[in-house]
PDB file of N, CA and C in Angstrom:
ATOM      1  N   MET A   1      -8.209 -13.947   6.916  1.00  0.00           N
ATOM      2  CA  MET A   1      -8.864 -13.294   8.031  1.00  0.00           C
ATOM      3  C   MET A   1     -10.255 -12.846   7.564  1.00  0.00           C
ATOM      4  N   THR A   2     -11.244 -13.081   8.408  1.00  0.00           N
ATOM      5  CA  THR A   2     -12.607 -12.682   8.064  1.00  0.00           C
ATOM      6  C   THR A   2     -12.828 -11.207   8.391  1.00  0.00           C
ATOM      7  N   ARG A   3     -13.899 -10.655   7.852  1.00  0.00           N
ATOM      8  CA  ARG A   3     -14.247  -9.255   8.156  1.00  0.00           C
ATOM      9  C   ARG A   3     -14.494  -9.094   9.653  1.00  0.00           C
ATOM     10  N   ASP A   4     -15.171 -10.066  10.249  1.00  0.00           N
ATOM     11  CA  ASP A   4     -15.439 -10.006  11.682  1.00  0.00           C
ATOM     12  C   ASP A   4     -14.131  -9.948  12.474  1.00  0.00           C
ATOM     13  N   GLN A   5     -13.178 -10.766  12.099  1.00  0.00           N
ATOM     14  CA  GLN A   5     -11.874 -10.748  12.776  1.00  0.00           C
ATOM     15  C   GLN A   5     -11.177  -9.404  12.592  1.00  0.00           C
ATOM     16  N   GLU A   6     -11.276  -8.837  11.400  1.00  0.00           N
ATOM     17  CA  GLU A   6     -10.677  -7.525  11.147  1.00  0.00           C
ATOM     18  C   GLU A   6     -11.305  -6.456  12.038  1.00  0.00           C
ATOM     19  N   LEU A   7     -12.632  -6.493  12.177  1.00  0.00           N
ATOM     20  CA  LEU A   7     -13.322  -5.506  13.014  1.00  0.00           C
ATOM     21  C   LEU A   7     -12.924  -5.646  14.479  1.00  0.00           C
ATOM     22  N   TRP A   8     -12.821  -6.885  14.972  1.00  0.00           N
ATOM     23  CA  TRP A   8     -12.362  -7.093  16.352  1.00  0.00           C
ATOM     24  C   TRP A   8     -10.931  -6.590  16.512  1.00  0.00           C
ATOM     25  N   GLY A   9     -10.108  -6.828  15.501  1.00  0.00           N
ATOM     26  CA  GLY A   9      -8.733  -6.345  15.546  1.00  0.00           C
ATOM     27  C   GLY A   9      -8.656  -4.828  15.560  1.00  0.00           C
ATOM     28  N   MET A  10      -9.497  -4.185  14.766  1.00  0.00           N
ATOM     29  CA  MET A  10      -9.534  -2.718  14.759  1.00  0.00           C
ATOM     30  C   MET A  10      -9.925  -2.194  16.133  1.00  0.00           C
ATOM     31  N   ALA A  11     -10.952  -2.802  16.728  1.00  0.00           N
ATOM     32  CA  ALA A  11     -11.415  -2.365  18.049  1.00  0.00           C
ATOM     33  C   ALA A  11     -10.309  -2.524  19.087  1.00  0.00           C
ATOM     34  N   ALA A  12      -9.652  -3.663  19.078  1.00  0.00           N
ATOM     35  CA  ALA A  12      -8.585  -3.914  20.050  1.00  0.00           C
ATOM     36  C   ALA A  12      -7.413  -2.958  19.847  1.00  0.00           C
ATOM     37  N   THR A  13      -7.059  -2.701  18.602  1.00  0.00           N
ATOM     38  CA  THR A  13      -5.950  -1.795  18.304  1.00  0.00           C
ATOM     39  C   THR A  13      -6.270  -0.372  18.747  1.00  0.00           C
ATOM     40  N   LEU A  14      -7.484   0.080  18.476  1.00  0.00           N
ATOM     41  CA  LEU A  14      -7.883   1.423  18.914  1.00  0.00           C
ATOM     42  C   LEU A  14      -7.807   1.550  20.426  1.00  0.00           C
ATOM     43  N   LEU A  15      -8.286   0.547  21.136  1.00  0.00           N
ATOM     44  CA  LEU A  15      -8.233   0.588  22.599  1.00  0.00           C
ATOM     45  C   LEU A  15      -6.789   0.598  23.094  1.00  0.00           C
ATOM     46  N   ARG A  16      -5.948  -0.182  22.457  1.00  0.00           N
ATOM     47  CA  ARG A  16      -4.539  -0.252  22.862  1.00  0.00           C
ATOM     48  C   ARG A  16      -3.825   1.080  22.612  1.00  0.00           C
ATOM     49  N   HIS A  17      -4.105   1.701  21.486  1.00  0.00           N
ATOM     50  CA  HIS A  17      -3.410   2.934  21.122  1.00  0.00           C
ATOM     51  C   HIS A  17      -3.996   4.188  21.761  1.00  0.00           C
ATOM     52  N   HIS A  18      -5.311   4.209  21.966  1.00  0.00           N
ATOM     53  CA  HIS A  18      -5.964   5.428  22.441  1.00  0.00           C
ATOM     54  C   HIS A  18      -6.547   5.316  23.845  1.00  0.00           C
ATOM     55  N   GLY A  19      -6.578   4.116  24.392  1.00  0.00           N
ATOM     56  CA  GLY A  19      -7.084   3.931  25.752  1.00  0.00           C
ATOM     57  C   GLY A  19      -8.483   4.487  25.932  1.00  0.00           C
ATOM     58  N   ASP A  20      -8.670   5.273  26.986  1.00  0.00           N
ATOM     59  CA  ASP A  20      -9.985   5.836  27.309  1.00  0.00           C
ATOM     60  C   ASP A  20     -10.512   6.783  26.239  1.00  0.00           C
ATOM     61  N   LYS A  21      -9.635   7.281  25.398  1.00  0.00           N
ATOM     62  CA  LYS A  21     -10.058   8.212  24.346  1.00  0.00           C
ATOM     63  C   LYS A  21     -10.507   7.491  23.069  1.00  0.00           C
ATOM     64  N   ALA A  22     -10.394   6.181  23.037  1.00  0.00           N
ATOM     65  CA  ALA A  22     -10.774   5.421  21.841  1.00  0.00           C
ATOM     66  C   ALA A  22     -12.221   5.665  21.419  1.00  0.00           C
ATOM     67  N   PRO A  23     -13.190   5.648  22.345  1.00  0.00           N
ATOM     68  CA  PRO A  23     -14.570   5.918  21.910  1.00  0.00           C
ATOM     69  C   PRO A  23     -14.737   7.300  21.275  1.00  0.00           C
ATOM     70  N   LEU A  24     -14.024   8.280  21.785  1.00  0.00           N
ATOM     71  CA  LEU A  24     -14.079   9.618  21.200  1.00  0.00           C
ATOM     72  C   LEU A  24     -13.522   9.605  19.783  1.00  0.00           C
ATOM     73  N   ARG A  25     -12.415   8.920  19.582  1.00  0.00           N
ATOM     74  CA  ARG A  25     -11.819   8.832  18.240  1.00  0.00           C
ATOM     75  C   ARG A  25     -12.803   8.205  17.258  1.00  0.00           C
ATOM     76  N   VAL A  26     -13.466   7.135  17.697  1.00  0.00           N
ATOM     77  CA  VAL A  26     -14.427   6.458  16.826  1.00  0.00           C
ATOM     78  C   VAL A  26     -15.620   7.372  16.546  1.00  0.00           C
ATOM     79  N   ALA A  27     -16.107   8.059  17.560  1.00  0.00           N
ATOM     80  CA  ALA A  27     -17.238   8.980  17.371  1.00  0.00           C
ATOM     81  C   ALA A  27     -16.876  10.092  16.394  1.00  0.00           C
ATOM     82  N   GLU A  28     -15.660  10.620  16.507  1.00  0.00           N
ATOM     83  CA  GLU A  28     -15.209  11.657  15.574  1.00  0.00           C
ATOM     84  C   GLU A  28     -15.183  11.122  14.146  1.00  0.00           C
ATOM     85  N   ARG A  29     -14.701   9.898  14.005  1.00  0.00           N
ATOM     86  CA  ARG A  29     -14.616   9.272  12.685  1.00  0.00           C
ATOM     87  C   ARG A  29     -16.012   9.079  12.093  1.00  0.00           C
ATOM     88  N   ILE A  30     -16.928   8.579  12.918  1.00  0.00           N
ATOM     89  CA  ILE A  30     -18.300   8.367  12.462  1.00  0.00           C
ATOM     90  C   ILE A  30     -18.921   9.700  12.042  1.00  0.00           C
ATOM     91  N   GLY A  31     -18.720  10.734  12.839  1.00  0.00           N
ATOM     92  CA  GLY A  31     -19.267  12.051  12.517  1.00  0.00           C
ATOM     93  C   GLY A  31     -18.729  12.601  11.212  1.00  0.00           C
ATOM     94  N   ALA A  32     -17.428  12.477  11.015  1.00  0.00           N
ATOM     95  CA  ALA A  32     -16.812  12.982   9.783  1.00  0.00           C
ATOM     96  C   ALA A  32     -17.337  12.236   8.561  1.00  0.00           C
ATOM     97  N   LEU A  33     -17.449  10.931   8.674  1.00  0.00           N
ATOM     98  CA  LEU A  33     -17.962  10.135   7.554  1.00  0.00           C
ATOM     99  C   LEU A  33     -19.426  10.468   7.267  1.00  0.00           C
ATOM    100  N   ALA A  34     -20.214  10.643   8.314  1.00  0.00           N
ATOM    101  CA  ALA A  34     -21.633  10.978   8.144  1.00  0.00           C
ATOM    102  C   ALA A  34     -21.793  12.323   7.448  1.00  0.00           C
ATOM    103  N   MET A  35     -20.963  13.282   7.819  1.00  0.00           N
ATOM    104  CA  MET A  35     -21.043  14.607   7.194  1.00  0.00           C
ATOM    105  C   MET A  35     -20.730  14.545   5.705  1.00  0.00           C
ATOM    106  N   ARG A  36     -19.891  13.582   5.317  1.00  0.00           N
ATOM    107  CA  ARG A  36     -19.551  13.419   3.896  1.00  0.00           C
ATOM    108  C   ARG A  36     -20.530  12.487   3.180  1.00  0.00           C
ATOM    109  N   GLY A  37     -21.481  11.940   3.941  1.00  0.00           N
ATOM    110  CA  GLY A  37     -22.463  11.049   3.336  1.00  0.00           C
ATOM    111  C   GLY A  37     -21.946   9.655   3.055  1.00  0.00           C
ATOM    112  N   GLU A  38     -20.857   9.274   3.691  1.00  0.00           N
ATOM    113  CA  GLU A  38     -20.254   7.961   3.467  1.00  0.00           C
ATOM    114  C   GLU A  38     -20.848   6.954   4.460  1.00  0.00           C
ATOM    115  N   MET A  39     -22.071   6.518   4.152  1.00  0.00           N
ATOM    116  CA  MET A  39     -22.805   5.685   5.090  1.00  0.00           C
ATOM    117  C   MET A  39     -22.203   4.287   5.252  1.00  0.00           C
ATOM    118  N   GLY A  40     -21.526   3.795   4.238  1.00  0.00           N
ATOM    119  CA  GLY A  40     -20.838   2.514   4.381  1.00  0.00           C
ATOM    120  C   GLY A  40     -19.743   2.603   5.426  1.00  0.00           C
ATOM    121  N   GLY A  41     -19.015   3.710   5.414  1.00  0.00           N
ATOM    122  CA  GLY A  41     -17.978   3.937   6.413  1.00  0.00           C
ATOM    123  C   GLY A  41     -18.555   4.125   7.798  1.00  0.00           C
ATOM    124  N   VAL A  42     -19.686   4.817   7.868  1.00  0.00           N
ATOM    125  CA  VAL A  42     -20.358   5.011   9.159  1.00  0.00           C
ATOM    126  C   VAL A  42     -20.712   3.659   9.754  1.00  0.00           C
ATOM    127  N   GLU A  43     -21.295   2.784   8.937  1.00  0.00           N
ATOM    128  CA  GLU A  43     -21.694   1.464   9.447  1.00  0.00           C
ATOM    129  C   GLU A  43     -20.479   0.652   9.891  1.00  0.00           C
ATOM    130  N   LEU A  44     -19.393   0.711   9.130  1.00  0.00           N
ATOM    131  CA  LEU A  44     -18.179  -0.006   9.514  1.00  0.00           C
ATOM    132  C   LEU A  44     -17.702   0.449  10.893  1.00  0.00           C
ATOM    133  N   TRP A  45     -17.630   1.760  11.096  1.00  0.00           N
ATOM    134  CA  TRP A  45     -17.134   2.277  12.369  1.00  0.00           C
ATOM    135  C   TRP A  45     -18.109   2.043  13.505  1.00  0.00           C
ATOM    136  N   ARG A  46     -19.410   1.966  13.200  1.00  0.00           N
ATOM    137  CA  ARG A  46     -20.383   1.595  14.238  1.00  0.00           C
ATOM    138  C   ARG A  46     -20.145   0.158  14.686  1.00  0.00           C
ATOM    139  N   GLU A  47     -19.807  -0.699  13.737  1.00  0.00           N
ATOM    140  CA  GLU A  47     -19.486  -2.091  14.082  1.00  0.00           C
ATOM    141  C   GLU A  47     -18.234  -2.151  14.961  1.00  0.00           C
ATOM    142  N   VAL A  48     -17.253  -1.335  14.641  1.00  0.00           N
ATOM    143  CA  VAL A  48     -16.045  -1.264  15.471  1.00  0.00           C
ATOM    144  C   VAL A  48     -16.419  -0.784  16.871  1.00  0.00           C
ATOM    145  N   ALA A  49     -17.269   0.235  16.947  1.00  0.00           N
ATOM    146  CA  ALA A  49     -17.690   0.769  18.246  1.00  0.00           C
ATOM    147  C   ALA A  49     -18.389  -0.300  19.076  1.00  0.00           C
ATOM    148  N   ARG A  50     -19.248  -1.095  18.453  1.00  0.00           N
ATOM    149  CA  ARG A  50     -19.937  -2.171  19.182  1.00  0.00           C
ATOM    150  C   ARG A  50     -18.934  -3.163  19.759  1.00  0.00           C
ATOM    151  N   ARG A  51     -17.929  -3.472  18.997  1.00  0.00           N
ATOM    152  CA  ARG A  51     -16.919  -4.417  19.474  1.00  0.00           C
ATOM    153  C   ARG A  51     -16.069  -3.807  20.589  1.00  0.00           C
ATOM    154  N   MET A  52     -15.779  -2.519  20.483  1.00  0.00           N
ATOM    155  CA  MET A  52     -15.043  -1.853  21.564  1.00  0.00           C
ATOM    156  C   MET A  52     -15.841  -1.916  22.858  1.00  0.00           C
ATOM    157  N   LEU A  53     -17.141  -1.673  22.771  1.00  0.00           N
ATOM    158  CA  LEU A  53     -17.991  -1.746  23.959  1.00  0.00           C
ATOM    159  C   LEU A  53     -17.966  -3.150  24.554  1.00  0.00           C
ATOM    160  N   ALA A  54     -18.006  -4.151  23.695  1.00  0.00           N
ATOM    161  CA  ALA A  54     -17.957  -5.529  24.177  1.00  0.00           C
ATOM    162  C   ALA A  54     -16.619  -5.822  24.859  1.00  0.00           C
ATOM    163  N   LEU A  55     -15.536  -5.343  24.286  1.00  0.00           N
ATOM    164  CA  LEU A  55     -14.208  -5.588  24.858  1.00  0.00           C
ATOM    165  C   LEU A  55     -14.013  -4.903  26.204  1.00  0.00           C
ATOM    166  N   THR A  56     -14.659  -3.775  26.388  1.00  0.00           N
ATOM    167  CA  THR A  56     -14.490  -3.027  27.635  1.00  0.00           C
ATOM    168  C   THR A  56     -15.557  -3.361  28.666  1.00  0.00           C
ATOM    169  N   GLY A  57     -16.498  -4.227  28.301  1.00  0.00           N
ATOM    170  CA  GLY A  57     -17.556  -4.588  29.226  1.00  0.00           C
ATOM    171  C   GLY A  57     -18.640  -3.549  29.343  1.00  0.00           C
ATOM    172  N   GLU A  58     -18.665  -2.601  28.418  1.00  0.00           N
ATOM    173  CA  GLU A  58     -19.645  -1.516  28.451  1.00  0.00           C
ATOM    174  C   GLU A  58     -20.881  -1.828  27.613  1.00  0.00           C
ATOM    175  N   ALA A  59     -20.894  -2.946  26.913  1.00  0.00           N
ATOM    176  CA  ALA A  59     -21.980  -3.240  25.975  1.00  0.00           C
ATOM    177  C   ALA A  59     -23.348  -3.253  26.647  1.00  0.00           C
ATOM    178  N   GLY A  60     -23.449  -3.785  27.830  1.00  0.00           N
ATOM    179  CA  GLY A  60     -24.729  -3.843  28.514  1.00  0.00           C
ATOM    180  C   GLY A  60     -25.186  -2.514  29.064  1.00  0.00           C
ATOM    181  N   LYS A  61     -24.282  -1.548  29.115  1.00  0.00           N
ATOM    182  CA  LYS A  61     -24.590  -0.235  29.683  1.00  0.00           C
ATOM    183  C   LYS A  61     -25.026   0.773  28.632  1.00  0.00           C
ATOM    184  N   ALA A  62     -24.779   0.461  27.349  1.00  0.00           N
ATOM    185  CA  ALA A  62     -25.080   1.413  26.268  1.00  0.00           C
ATOM    186  C   ALA A  62     -26.545   1.412  25.917  1.00  0.00           C
TER     187      ALA A  62
END
């Protein structure tokens, strides 16, 4: 499995498990990682967020 496939899988799983609250969960995760200075983690979760937006059709609205 490629990294891209893993990121799409993470996005889909978050949406399935958290529904409308998935973006909030991702934002919380990004915030926590940023506060700890873990910029690699921040970028990973931003990539997940982009894919979530694409899956929900919100990408053009952001």
